[in-house]
Amino acid sequence: MTVELKSVLSGFSEAVRPFVRNVVDFFESSQEEQKSRIEYLSSIKPSSRLAAVLVLLFEKDNHLRVLVTVRGKNLRTHGGQTSLPGGKMEETDGGDILTTAHREAHEEVGLPLNHPAVPTLGILELQPFYTLVVAPVVAILTDLTMIDGLKARSGEVDLIYSHPLEGLLDPSVALQLEDLVPRGSDNWPYELEPHNHQDYMVEALDNMKYRLHRFQTSAAPITGLTADVLINIAQIAYRKEPTYERFADGQLRSFDGLVKAFEKLRSESKEAKPVVWRAT
């Protein structure tokens, strides 16, 4: 996953280059952690418990942005919601989580496979999601002409769009840069804009607290796991904390802590209990 820093940075303006450098430096300095994550993922059986999402970063109008999609409204799970391209590992992926992320992005939005303009940087902190372990795979897009060639897969993706990455740390940035959906509309039926949150008690995990963030966008809101992943990469890129309080009081913050809670859930029941979210 080592990339040539000079070749990556050459595709970005001076305004964005420092933030891309921060991301590349982060992954270059965490090679041992990357190896540990891959080893952990390889230990999970069956592989159907694994999933990956692709965090694709690119520049537009002197701002670093991230590619997101709106899932098909008729899908059985999370239809009509904003997500990152991704899905479960398949046998054809050969046990390689990076392959999973890129294959899913190719299938969902037509991102070319094995393209030199889409170097992979690494894997962010893993995310437990119900009975899955999700690996957020970060890649950089250096050829902007490829954006125009992306195409949503009919029935699976309703819309491809992007959002300013810094807006995940300072939501006011989105107000300045984006044509956001109207307050009170179907895509933002809330009074507060451009960000709000709600705290939940996860009953199946000993009433663990979880803060669900919502970010107003030009389409469906960025929320849940997608928001958590993008907050992580935004903090790495901009090296600053969010302008809002990210975690609920007592919320588990590390992947290891969450894994222990989820594995305890699995060990106590032959079938995983439904994860019930109760607003506090």
Protein backbone atom coordinates (compact mmCIF):
# COMPACT_ATOMS: atom_id res chain seq x y z
CA MET A 1 0.00 0.00 0.00
CA THR A 2 3.06 2.27 -0.16
CA VAL A 3 2.54 5.07 -2.68
CA GLU A 4 4.90 7.56 -4.25
CA LEU A 5 4.22 10.79 -2.35
CA LYS A 6 5.54 13.09 -5.05
CA SER A 7 3.36 11.56 -7.77
CA VAL A 8 0.26 11.71 -5.56
CA LEU A 9 0.77 15.34 -4.50
CA SER A 10 1.43 16.50 -8.05
CA GLY A 11 -2.23 15.93 -8.81
CA PHE A 12 -3.41 18.48 -6.24
CA SER A 13 -3.32 22.26 -5.90
CA GLU A 14 -1.22 24.05 -3.29
CA ALA A 15 -4.42 24.75 -1.33
CA VAL A 16 -5.22 21.05 -0.92
CA ARG A 17 -1.76 19.49 -1.01
CA PRO A 18 -1.00 19.84 2.75
CA PHE A 19 -4.14 17.90 3.66
CA VAL A 20 -3.39 15.11 1.18
CA ARG A 21 0.16 14.97 2.55
CA ASN A 22 -1.27 14.52 6.07
CA VAL A 23 -3.31 11.53 4.90
CA VAL A 24 -0.39 9.93 3.05
CA ASP A 25 1.95 10.54 6.01
CA PHE A 26 -0.58 8.98 8.39
CA PHE A 27 -0.70 5.72 6.49
CA GLU A 28 3.06 5.68 5.86
CA SER A 29 3.68 6.04 9.60
CA SER A 30 1.18 3.36 10.58
CA GLN A 31 2.41 0.42 8.51
CA GLU A 32 2.56 -1.93 11.49
CA GLU A 33 -0.99 -1.01 12.46
CA GLN A 34 -2.08 -1.63 8.87
CA LYS A 35 -0.52 -5.10 8.96
CA SER A 36 -2.26 -5.86 12.25
CA ARG A 37 -5.63 -4.87 10.80
CA ILE A 38 -5.14 -7.08 7.77
CA GLU A 39 -4.10 -10.00 10.01
CA TYR A 40 -7.16 -9.47 12.19
CA LEU A 41 -9.44 -9.37 9.16
CA SER A 42 -7.87 -12.58 7.83
CA SER A 43 -8.70 -14.31 11.12
CA ILE A 44 -12.44 -13.63 10.86
CA LYS A 45 -14.43 -16.62 9.68
CA PRO A 46 -16.58 -16.93 7.72
CA SER A 47 -15.45 -14.16 5.36
CA SER A 48 -19.13 -13.24 4.89
CA ARG A 49 -18.75 -11.37 8.21
CA LEU A 50 -16.38 -8.96 6.45
CA ALA A 51 -17.29 -5.89 4.43
CA ALA A 52 -15.42 -2.91 3.00
CA VAL A 53 -16.24 0.63 1.95
CA LEU A 54 -14.14 2.84 -0.30
CA VAL A 55 -13.28 6.33 0.93
CA LEU A 56 -12.34 8.07 -2.32
CA LEU A 57 -10.80 11.52 -1.87
CA PHE A 58 -10.35 14.04 -4.67
CA GLU A 59 -10.05 17.78 -5.24
CA LYS A 60 -12.64 20.12 -6.67
CA ASP A 61 -12.50 23.92 -6.63
CA ASN A 62 -9.54 23.94 -4.23
CA HIS A 63 -11.29 21.77 -1.65
CA LEU A 64 -10.77 18.15 -0.70
CA ARG A 65 -13.96 16.18 -1.24
CA VAL A 66 -15.20 12.63 -0.72
CA LEU A 67 -17.32 10.55 -3.07
CA VAL A 68 -20.61 9.30 -1.63
CA THR A 69 -23.75 7.71 -3.01
CA VAL A 70 -27.45 7.50 -2.26
CA ARG A 71 -28.51 3.87 -2.07
CA GLY A 72 -31.39 2.68 -4.21
CA LYS A 73 -34.64 3.57 -2.49
CA ASN A 74 -36.07 0.10 -3.04
CA LEU A 75 -33.18 -1.81 -1.47
CA ARG A 76 -34.18 -3.99 1.49
CA THR A 77 -31.67 -2.40 3.86
CA HIS A 78 -30.87 1.31 4.24
CA GLY A 79 -32.62 2.21 0.99
CA GLY A 80 -32.43 5.90 0.11
CA GLN A 81 -29.59 6.56 2.55
CA THR A 82 -26.21 8.11 1.82
CA SER A 83 -23.35 5.64 1.96
CA LEU A 84 -19.83 5.00 0.76
CA PRO A 85 -19.42 2.54 -2.12
CA GLY A 86 -18.98 -0.88 -0.55
CA GLY A 87 -20.36 -4.22 0.50
CA LYS A 88 -19.59 -7.72 1.76
CA MET A 89 -16.53 -9.70 0.82
CA GLU A 90 -17.14 -12.31 -1.88
CA GLU A 91 -15.24 -15.51 -2.67
CA THR A 92 -13.87 -13.97 -5.86
CA ASP A 93 -12.05 -11.36 -3.74
CA GLY A 94 -9.58 -14.00 -2.63
CA GLY A 95 -9.73 -12.89 1.00
CA ASP A 96 -8.33 -9.44 0.10
CA ILE A 97 -10.33 -6.63 1.72
CA LEU A 98 -8.78 -4.02 -0.60
CA THR A 99 -10.10 -5.99 -3.55
CA THR A 100 -13.54 -6.02 -1.94
CA ALA A 101 -13.60 -2.23 -1.60
CA HIS A 102 -12.50 -1.56 -5.18
CA ARG A 103 -14.71 -4.27 -6.68
CA GLU A 104 -17.76 -2.84 -4.94
CA ALA A 105 -16.90 0.69 -6.11
CA HIS A 106 -16.49 -0.63 -9.64
CA GLU A 107 -19.84 -2.40 -9.52
CA GLU A 108 -21.75 0.45 -7.88
CA VAL A 109 -20.35 3.56 -9.58
CA GLY A 110 -18.11 2.29 -12.38
CA LEU A 111 -14.78 3.32 -10.84
CA PRO A 112 -12.08 1.64 -12.97
CA LEU A 113 -10.20 -1.23 -11.36
CA ASN A 114 -6.41 -1.25 -10.93
CA HIS A 115 -6.04 2.26 -12.30
CA PRO A 116 -2.81 4.23 -11.60
CA ALA A 117 -4.89 7.36 -10.93
CA VAL A 118 -6.60 5.63 -7.98
CA PRO A 119 -3.80 4.66 -5.57
CA THR A 120 -4.85 2.94 -2.34
CA LEU A 121 -3.40 4.47 0.83
CA GLY A 122 -4.57 2.13 3.59
CA ILE A 123 -7.29 0.99 5.97
CA LEU A 124 -8.82 3.22 8.61
CA GLU A 125 -9.90 2.00 12.04
CA LEU A 126 -12.27 -0.93 11.59
CA GLN A 127 -15.96 -0.45 12.28
CA PRO A 128 -18.26 -3.08 13.83
CA PHE A 129 -21.65 -2.91 12.14
CA TYR A 130 -24.28 -5.28 13.54
CA THR A 131 -22.61 -8.69 13.00
CA LEU A 132 -20.16 -7.40 10.36
CA VAL A 133 -16.69 -5.92 10.60
CA VAL A 134 -16.33 -3.09 8.08
CA ALA A 135 -12.94 -1.99 6.74
CA PRO A 136 -12.85 1.59 5.42
CA VAL A 137 -10.30 1.58 2.58
CA VAL A 138 -8.88 5.00 1.67
CA ALA A 139 -7.89 5.85 -1.90
CA ILE A 140 -6.97 9.04 -3.74
CA LEU A 141 -8.27 10.07 -7.16
CA THR A 142 -5.72 12.11 -9.13
CA ASP A 143 -7.49 12.19 -12.51
CA LEU A 144 -10.66 14.28 -12.17
CA THR A 145 -11.86 13.37 -15.66
CA MET A 146 -12.78 9.98 -14.21
CA ILE A 147 -15.49 11.59 -12.06
CA ASP A 148 -17.50 12.49 -15.16
CA GLY A 149 -17.29 8.87 -16.29
CA LEU A 150 -18.83 7.39 -13.17
CA LYS A 151 -22.25 5.82 -13.56
CA ALA A 152 -24.69 4.71 -10.86
CA ARG A 153 -25.69 1.06 -11.00
CA SER A 154 -29.40 0.90 -11.68
CA GLY A 155 -31.46 -0.29 -8.73
CA GLU A 156 -28.51 -0.25 -6.34
CA VAL A 157 -27.43 3.40 -6.47
CA ASP A 158 -29.82 6.30 -7.09
CA LEU A 159 -27.26 9.12 -7.03
CA ILE A 160 -23.51 9.76 -7.02
CA TYR A 161 -22.38 13.00 -5.40
CA SER A 162 -19.62 14.43 -3.22
CA HIS A 163 -19.24 16.45 -0.03
CA PRO A 164 -16.43 18.69 1.27
CA LEU A 165 -14.37 16.63 3.69
CA GLU A 166 -13.73 19.55 6.03
CA GLY A 167 -17.50 19.90 6.42
CA LEU A 168 -17.42 16.73 8.54
CA LEU A 169 -15.37 18.64 11.14
CA ASP A 170 -16.87 22.10 10.71
CA PRO A 171 -20.39 21.77 9.29
CA SER A 172 -20.51 25.51 8.52
CA VAL A 173 -18.09 24.80 5.66
CA ALA A 174 -20.89 22.97 3.85
CA LEU A 175 -23.13 26.03 4.21
CA GLN A 176 -20.52 28.10 2.40
CA LEU A 177 -19.71 25.62 -0.38
CA GLU A 178 -22.82 23.53 -1.02
CA ASP A 179 -26.34 23.98 -2.31
CA LEU A 180 -27.84 22.08 0.62
CA VAL A 181 -31.28 20.50 0.60
CA PRO A 182 -33.89 22.78 2.25
CA ARG A 183 -34.57 22.55 5.96
CA GLY A 184 -37.84 20.72 6.56
CA SER A 185 -37.58 18.75 3.31
CA ASP A 186 -37.71 14.95 3.09
CA ASN A 187 -33.91 14.83 3.04
CA TRP A 188 -33.53 17.18 6.03
CA PRO A 189 -36.68 17.16 8.22
CA TYR A 190 -34.87 18.88 11.09
CA GLU A 191 -34.82 22.37 12.56
CA LEU A 192 -31.08 22.54 13.15
CA GLU A 193 -28.75 22.85 10.18
CA PRO A 194 -26.29 21.84 8.86
CA HIS A 195 -25.58 19.24 11.58
CA ASN A 196 -27.31 17.58 14.49
CA HIS A 197 -26.99 14.42 16.54
CA GLN A 198 -29.01 11.99 18.60
CA ASP A 199 -27.77 9.74 21.39
CA TYR A 200 -28.88 6.12 21.54
CA MET A 201 -28.63 3.27 24.01
CA VAL A 202 -27.73 0.00 22.23
CA GLU A 203 -29.72 -2.46 24.30
CA ALA A 204 -28.05 -5.58 22.92
CA LEU A 205 -24.64 -4.28 24.01
CA ASP A 206 -25.36 -3.65 27.68
CA ASN A 207 -26.93 -0.29 26.87
CA MET A 208 -23.77 1.05 25.31
CA LYS A 209 -24.15 4.72 24.39
CA TYR A 210 -23.73 5.79 20.80
CA ARG A 211 -23.97 9.26 19.27
CA LEU A 212 -25.41 9.25 15.77
CA HIS A 213 -24.38 12.30 13.73
CA ARG A 214 -26.32 13.74 10.81
CA PHE A 215 -24.80 16.13 8.26
CA GLN A 216 -26.91 18.11 5.82
CA THR A 217 -25.77 17.68 2.21
CA SER A 218 -26.93 18.39 -1.33
CA ALA A 219 -28.79 15.05 -1.17
CA ALA A 220 -29.60 12.58 1.63
CA PRO A 221 -27.84 13.28 4.95
CA ILE A 222 -24.51 11.71 5.81
CA THR A 223 -25.11 9.77 9.01
CA GLY A 224 -24.30 6.67 11.05
CA LEU A 225 -21.28 4.56 10.11
CA THR A 226 -20.61 6.67 7.01
CA ALA A 227 -20.39 9.79 9.16
CA ASP A 228 -18.11 8.04 11.68
CA VAL A 229 -15.70 6.93 8.96
CA LEU A 230 -15.59 10.35 7.32
CA ILE A 231 -15.06 12.15 10.63
CA ASN A 232 -12.04 9.89 11.18
CA ILE A 233 -10.42 10.61 7.82
CA ALA A 234 -11.24 14.34 8.10
CA GLN A 235 -9.43 14.51 11.44
CA ILE A 236 -6.40 12.85 9.85
CA ALA A 237 -6.41 15.20 6.85
CA TYR A 238 -6.96 18.47 8.72
CA ARG A 239 -5.33 17.55 12.03
CA LYS A 240 -8.00 19.20 14.13
CA GLU A 241 -10.97 18.27 16.27
CA PRO A 242 -14.63 18.72 15.24
CA THR A 243 -16.40 21.93 16.19
CA TYR A 244 -19.08 19.81 17.93
CA GLU A 245 -18.88 17.20 20.69
CA ARG A 246 -18.28 13.97 18.83
CA PHE A 247 -18.98 11.32 21.47
CA ALA A 248 -21.75 10.73 23.98
CA ASP A 249 -20.78 10.45 27.65
CA GLY A 250 -19.46 6.96 28.27
CA GLN A 251 -19.43 5.98 24.59
CA LEU A 252 -16.92 3.31 23.62
CA ARG A 253 -14.37 4.97 21.35
CA SER A 254 -11.94 2.25 20.34
CA PHE A 255 -12.43 -0.58 17.90
CA ASP A 256 -11.03 -3.07 20.42
CA GLY A 257 -13.67 -2.08 22.97
CA LEU A 258 -16.45 -2.38 20.43
CA VAL A 259 -15.17 -5.74 19.19
CA LYS A 260 -15.18 -7.14 22.72
CA ALA A 261 -18.78 -6.00 23.14
CA PHE A 262 -19.87 -7.50 19.82
CA GLU A 263 -18.00 -10.78 20.37
CA LYS A 264 -19.59 -11.08 23.82
CA LEU A 265 -22.96 -10.68 22.12
CA ARG A 266 -22.15 -13.45 19.63
CA SER A 267 -20.82 -15.83 22.29
CA GLU A 268 -23.94 -15.50 24.41
CA SER A 269 -26.27 -16.54 21.63
CA LYS A 270 -26.08 -19.03 18.78
CA GLU A 271 -27.84 -16.43 16.71
CA ALA A 272 -26.82 -12.80 17.04
CA LYS A 273 -29.43 -10.76 18.81
CA PRO A 274 -30.96 -7.86 16.88
CA VAL A 275 -29.18 -4.63 17.71
CA VAL A 276 -31.89 -2.35 19.06
CA TRP A 277 -31.21 1.38 19.18
CA ARG A 278 -33.21 3.28 21.80
CA ALA A 279 -33.09 7.09 21.80
CA THR A 280 -32.07 8.68 25.09
